[in-house]
Amino acid sequence: MTASNKIKEIVDGNPIVLFMKGNPKFPQCGFSSMACQILDACGATYETVDVLQDPEIREGIKVYSNWPTIPQLYVKGEFNGGADIMKEMYESGELAKIVSGN
């Protein structure tokens, strides 16, 4: 299975998924940590994928989304952005609406 197929399966199989470095308990970069904090503040239930565990996913996610950085947030199969965009969406209240399904 190609990295792109694996990523598509993960994105399609989880309502909210965050591709990040590390995991929510032990994020391996500040941006991944911030992304988890934002999702937690929104009360989101989400899955994470530690890109450090799979080099194919780590590089493949950048191609899949056409976005050069990690973390990357997908909600209902759609790419929503990285940490900076998540922060802006959180501050405007938009992210809470998206992750709650309203």
N, C-alpha and C. Protein backbone atom coordinates (compact mmCIF):
# COMPACT_ATOMS: atom_id res chain seq x y z
N MET A 1 0.85 -1.18 0.00
CA MET A 1 0.00 0.00 0.00
C MET A 1 0.90 1.24 0.00
N THR A 2 0.58 2.18 -0.86
CA THR A 2 1.39 3.40 -0.93
C THR A 2 1.11 4.30 0.26
N ALA A 3 2.01 5.23 0.52
CA ALA A 3 1.81 6.19 1.61
C ALA A 3 0.52 6.97 1.39
N SER A 4 0.27 7.37 0.15
CA SER A 4 -0.93 8.13 -0.16
C SER A 4 -2.20 7.32 0.16
N ASN A 5 -2.18 6.04 -0.17
CA ASN A 5 -3.34 5.19 0.14
C ASN A 5 -3.52 5.03 1.65
N LYS A 6 -2.41 4.85 2.37
CA LYS A 6 -2.47 4.73 3.83
C LYS A 6 -3.07 6.01 4.43
N ILE A 7 -2.58 7.16 3.96
CA ILE A 7 -3.05 8.44 4.48
C ILE A 7 -4.54 8.61 4.19
N LYS A 8 -4.94 8.30 2.98
CA LYS A 8 -6.36 8.43 2.61
C LYS A 8 -7.23 7.55 3.50
N GLU A 9 -6.77 6.34 3.77
CA GLU A 9 -7.51 5.42 4.64
C GLU A 9 -7.66 6.00 6.05
N ILE A 10 -6.58 6.57 6.56
CA ILE A 10 -6.61 7.18 7.90
C ILE A 10 -7.56 8.38 7.93
N VAL A 11 -7.42 9.27 6.93
CA VAL A 11 -8.23 10.48 6.87
C VAL A 11 -9.72 10.13 6.72
N ASP A 12 -10.01 9.18 5.83
CA ASP A 12 -11.40 8.79 5.59
C ASP A 12 -11.99 8.00 6.75
N GLY A 13 -11.13 7.33 7.53
CA GLY A 13 -11.61 6.46 8.59
C GLY A 13 -11.77 7.12 9.95
N ASN A 14 -11.41 8.39 10.06
CA ASN A 14 -11.48 9.09 11.34
C ASN A 14 -12.10 10.47 11.14
N PRO A 15 -13.14 10.80 11.92
CA PRO A 15 -13.77 12.11 11.74
C PRO A 15 -12.79 13.27 11.93
N ILE A 16 -11.90 13.15 12.92
CA ILE A 16 -10.90 14.18 13.17
C ILE A 16 -9.56 13.49 13.38
N VAL A 17 -8.58 13.87 12.57
CA VAL A 17 -7.26 13.25 12.70
C VAL A 17 -6.19 14.34 12.58
N LEU A 18 -5.22 14.25 13.47
CA LEU A 18 -4.10 15.18 13.50
C LEU A 18 -2.82 14.41 13.21
N PHE A 19 -2.18 14.75 12.12
CA PHE A 19 -0.86 14.21 11.81
C PHE A 19 0.13 15.11 12.54
N MET A 20 0.92 14.53 13.44
CA MET A 20 1.77 15.33 14.31
C MET A 20 3.09 14.63 14.57
N LYS A 21 3.98 15.36 15.22
CA LYS A 21 5.25 14.78 15.67
C LYS A 21 5.07 14.40 17.13
N GLY A 22 5.15 13.11 17.40
CA GLY A 22 4.92 12.62 18.75
C GLY A 22 3.46 12.24 18.93
N ASN A 23 3.00 12.30 20.19
CA ASN A 23 1.60 12.01 20.48
C ASN A 23 1.10 13.02 21.50
N PRO A 24 -0.20 13.06 21.78
CA PRO A 24 -0.72 14.10 22.67
C PRO A 24 -0.07 14.13 24.06
N LYS A 25 0.33 12.97 24.57
CA LYS A 25 0.98 12.95 25.89
C LYS A 25 2.44 13.41 25.82
N PHE A 26 3.10 13.13 24.69
CA PHE A 26 4.50 13.50 24.52
C PHE A 26 4.74 14.09 23.12
N PRO A 27 4.21 15.29 22.88
CA PRO A 27 4.45 15.91 21.58
C PRO A 27 5.94 16.20 21.41
N GLN A 28 6.42 16.03 20.18
CA GLN A 28 7.85 16.18 19.91
C GLN A 28 8.20 17.52 19.26
N CYS A 29 7.23 18.42 19.17
CA CYS A 29 7.54 19.78 18.72
C CYS A 29 6.48 20.72 19.27
N GLY A 30 6.83 21.98 19.38
CA GLY A 30 5.93 22.97 19.95
C GLY A 30 4.65 23.15 19.16
N PHE A 31 4.75 23.07 17.84
CA PHE A 31 3.55 23.24 17.01
C PHE A 31 2.58 22.08 17.21
N SER A 32 3.11 20.85 17.32
CA SER A 32 2.25 19.70 17.57
C SER A 32 1.61 19.81 18.95
N SER A 33 2.36 20.28 19.92
CA SER A 33 1.83 20.48 21.27
C SER A 33 0.69 21.50 21.24
N MET A 34 0.91 22.61 20.55
CA MET A 34 -0.12 23.65 20.46
C MET A 34 -1.37 23.11 19.77
N ALA A 35 -1.20 22.33 18.71
CA ALA A 35 -2.33 21.78 17.98
C ALA A 35 -3.19 20.90 18.90
N CYS A 36 -2.55 20.06 19.71
CA CYS A 36 -3.28 19.22 20.65
C CYS A 36 -4.00 20.06 21.70
N GLN A 37 -3.33 21.08 22.20
CA GLN A 37 -3.95 21.95 23.21
C GLN A 37 -5.19 22.64 22.64
N ILE A 38 -5.10 23.07 21.39
CA ILE A 38 -6.24 23.73 20.74
C ILE A 38 -7.40 22.76 20.59
N LEU A 39 -7.12 21.56 20.09
CA LEU A 39 -8.19 20.57 19.93
C LEU A 39 -8.80 20.20 21.29
N ASP A 40 -7.97 20.05 22.30
CA ASP A 40 -8.47 19.74 23.65
C ASP A 40 -9.35 20.87 24.17
N ALA A 41 -8.94 22.12 23.92
CA ALA A 41 -9.71 23.28 24.37
C ALA A 41 -11.07 23.34 23.67
N CYS A 42 -11.14 22.79 22.47
CA CYS A 42 -12.41 22.75 21.73
C CYS A 42 -13.27 21.56 22.15
N GLY A 43 -12.72 20.69 22.99
CA GLY A 43 -13.45 19.51 23.42
C GLY A 43 -13.54 18.44 22.35
N ALA A 44 -12.61 18.48 21.40
CA ALA A 44 -12.65 17.54 20.27
C ALA A 44 -12.17 16.16 20.69
N THR A 45 -12.80 15.15 20.12
CA THR A 45 -12.31 13.78 20.20
C THR A 45 -11.60 13.52 18.88
N TYR A 46 -10.33 13.19 18.95
CA TYR A 46 -9.55 13.09 17.72
C TYR A 46 -8.52 11.98 17.81
N GLU A 47 -8.15 11.49 16.64
CA GLU A 47 -7.08 10.52 16.51
C GLU A 47 -5.81 11.26 16.11
N THR A 48 -4.67 10.69 16.45
CA THR A 48 -3.41 11.27 16.02
C THR A 48 -2.57 10.22 15.30
N VAL A 49 -1.72 10.71 14.42
CA VAL A 49 -0.75 9.86 13.73
C VAL A 49 0.62 10.48 13.98
N ASP A 50 1.51 9.71 14.60
CA ASP A 50 2.87 10.17 14.87
C ASP A 50 3.71 9.96 13.61
N VAL A 51 3.97 11.04 12.90
CA VAL A 51 4.71 10.93 11.64
C VAL A 51 6.16 10.52 11.86
N LEU A 52 6.66 10.66 13.08
CA LEU A 52 8.03 10.27 13.37
C LEU A 52 8.19 8.74 13.35
N GLN A 53 7.08 8.02 13.47
CA GLN A 53 7.13 6.56 13.49
C GLN A 53 7.15 5.95 12.09
N ASP A 54 6.83 6.76 11.08
CA ASP A 54 6.73 6.23 9.72
C ASP A 54 7.22 7.28 8.72
N PRO A 55 8.47 7.15 8.25
CA PRO A 55 9.03 8.13 7.31
C PRO A 55 8.21 8.30 6.04
N GLU A 56 7.56 7.22 5.57
CA GLU A 56 6.72 7.33 4.37
C GLU A 56 5.53 8.24 4.62
N ILE A 57 4.91 8.10 5.77
CA ILE A 57 3.77 8.97 6.12
C ILE A 57 4.27 10.39 6.33
N ARG A 58 5.42 10.53 6.98
CA ARG A 58 5.96 11.87 7.26
C ARG A 58 6.16 12.67 5.97
N GLU A 59 6.71 12.05 4.96
CA GLU A 59 6.91 12.74 3.68
C GLU A 59 5.63 12.73 2.85
N GLY A 60 4.90 11.62 2.91
CA GLY A 60 3.69 11.47 2.10
C GLY A 60 2.60 12.45 2.46
N ILE A 61 2.48 12.80 3.74
CA ILE A 61 1.40 13.72 4.15
C ILE A 61 1.61 15.10 3.54
N LYS A 62 2.86 15.48 3.36
CA LYS A 62 3.16 16.80 2.77
C LYS A 62 2.72 16.84 1.31
N VAL A 63 2.88 15.73 0.61
CA VAL A 63 2.45 15.63 -0.79
C VAL A 63 0.92 15.53 -0.85
N TYR A 64 0.36 14.71 0.03
CA TYR A 64 -1.09 14.46 0.05
C TYR A 64 -1.86 15.76 0.20
N SER A 65 -1.39 16.62 1.10
CA SER A 65 -2.10 17.87 1.40
C SER A 65 -1.58 19.06 0.59
N ASN A 66 -0.42 18.87 -0.04
CA ASN A 66 0.27 19.99 -0.69
C ASN A 66 0.56 21.08 0.34
N TRP A 67 0.96 20.64 1.53
CA TRP A 67 1.26 21.53 2.66
C TRP A 67 2.59 21.08 3.23
N PRO A 68 3.57 22.00 3.38
CA PRO A 68 4.94 21.57 3.68
C PRO A 68 5.24 21.25 5.14
N THR A 69 4.35 21.58 6.05
CA THR A 69 4.69 21.45 7.47
C THR A 69 3.75 20.49 8.20
N ILE A 70 4.20 20.08 9.36
CA ILE A 70 3.46 19.21 10.27
C ILE A 70 3.42 19.95 11.60
N PRO A 71 2.30 19.99 12.30
CA PRO A 71 1.12 19.15 12.21
C PRO A 71 0.16 19.57 11.08
N GLN A 72 -0.73 18.62 10.79
CA GLN A 72 -1.79 18.85 9.82
C GLN A 72 -3.09 18.27 10.37
N LEU A 73 -4.15 19.08 10.29
CA LEU A 73 -5.45 18.68 10.82
C LEU A 73 -6.43 18.38 9.69
N TYR A 74 -7.09 17.23 9.81
CA TYR A 74 -8.16 16.85 8.89
C TYR A 74 -9.44 16.66 9.68
N VAL A 75 -10.51 17.27 9.21
CA VAL A 75 -11.83 17.11 9.83
C VAL A 75 -12.79 16.66 8.74
N LYS A 76 -13.43 15.52 8.97
CA LYS A 76 -14.38 14.94 8.00
C LYS A 76 -13.75 14.84 6.62
N GLY A 77 -12.50 14.39 6.57
CA GLY A 77 -11.83 14.15 5.31
C GLY A 77 -11.22 15.37 4.65
N GLU A 78 -11.43 16.54 5.23
CA GLU A 78 -10.91 17.77 4.63
C GLU A 78 -9.72 18.30 5.41
N PHE A 79 -8.71 18.73 4.65
CA PHE A 79 -7.53 19.35 5.26
C PHE A 79 -7.92 20.73 5.77
N ASN A 80 -7.63 21.00 7.04
CA ASN A 80 -7.97 22.29 7.63
C ASN A 80 -6.78 23.20 7.84
N GLY A 81 -5.56 22.66 7.80
CA GLY A 81 -4.38 23.50 7.95
C GLY A 81 -3.45 22.99 9.02
N GLY A 82 -2.43 23.79 9.26
CA GLY A 82 -1.44 23.49 10.27
C GLY A 82 -1.70 24.26 11.55
N ALA A 83 -0.69 24.34 12.40
CA ALA A 83 -0.86 24.93 13.73
C ALA A 83 -1.28 26.40 13.67
N ASP A 84 -0.68 27.19 12.79
CA ASP A 84 -1.02 28.61 12.73
C ASP A 84 -2.47 28.83 12.31
N ILE A 85 -2.90 28.06 11.31
CA ILE A 85 -4.29 28.18 10.85
C ILE A 85 -5.24 27.69 11.93
N MET A 86 -4.87 26.59 12.60
CA MET A 86 -5.70 26.09 13.70
C MET A 86 -5.85 27.15 14.78
N LYS A 87 -4.76 27.85 15.09
CA LYS A 87 -4.81 28.90 16.12
C LYS A 87 -5.76 30.02 15.71
N GLU A 88 -5.67 30.45 14.45
CA GLU A 88 -6.57 31.50 13.96
C GLU A 88 -8.02 31.04 14.00
N MET A 89 -8.27 29.81 13.56
CA MET A 89 -9.63 29.26 13.56
C MET A 89 -10.16 29.11 14.98
N TYR A 90 -9.28 28.74 15.91
CA TYR A 90 -9.68 28.61 17.32
C TYR A 90 -10.06 29.97 17.88
N GLU A 91 -9.22 30.96 17.62
CA GLU A 91 -9.47 32.29 18.17
C GLU A 91 -10.75 32.91 17.62
N SER A 92 -11.11 32.57 16.39
CA SER A 92 -12.34 33.12 15.79
C SER A 92 -13.58 32.33 16.19
N GLY A 93 -13.38 31.15 16.81
CA GLY A 93 -14.50 30.30 17.19
C GLY A 93 -14.89 29.32 16.09
N GLU A 94 -14.28 29.46 14.93
CA GLU A 94 -14.63 28.61 13.79
C GLU A 94 -14.25 27.15 14.04
N LEU A 95 -13.10 26.91 14.64
CA LEU A 95 -12.63 25.53 14.83
C LEU A 95 -13.56 24.75 15.75
N ALA A 96 -14.02 25.38 16.82
CA ALA A 96 -14.92 24.70 17.74
C ALA A 96 -16.20 24.26 17.03
N LYS A 97 -16.70 25.10 16.13
CA LYS A 97 -17.91 24.74 15.36
C LYS A 97 -17.63 23.54 14.46
N ILE A 98 -16.48 23.55 13.79
CA ILE A 98 -16.15 22.47 12.85
C ILE A 98 -15.97 21.15 13.58
N VAL A 99 -15.23 21.15 14.69
CA VAL A 99 -14.94 19.88 15.37
C VAL A 99 -16.13 19.36 16.17
N SER A 100 -17.08 20.23 16.49
CA SER A 100 -18.26 19.76 17.22
C SER A 100 -19.34 19.29 16.25
N GLY A 101 -19.16 19.58 14.96
CA GLY A 101 -20.11 19.13 13.96
C GLY A 101 -21.29 20.06 13.76
N ASN A 102 -21.22 21.27 14.33
CA ASN A 102 -22.33 22.23 14.17
C ASN A 102 -22.04 23.21 13.06
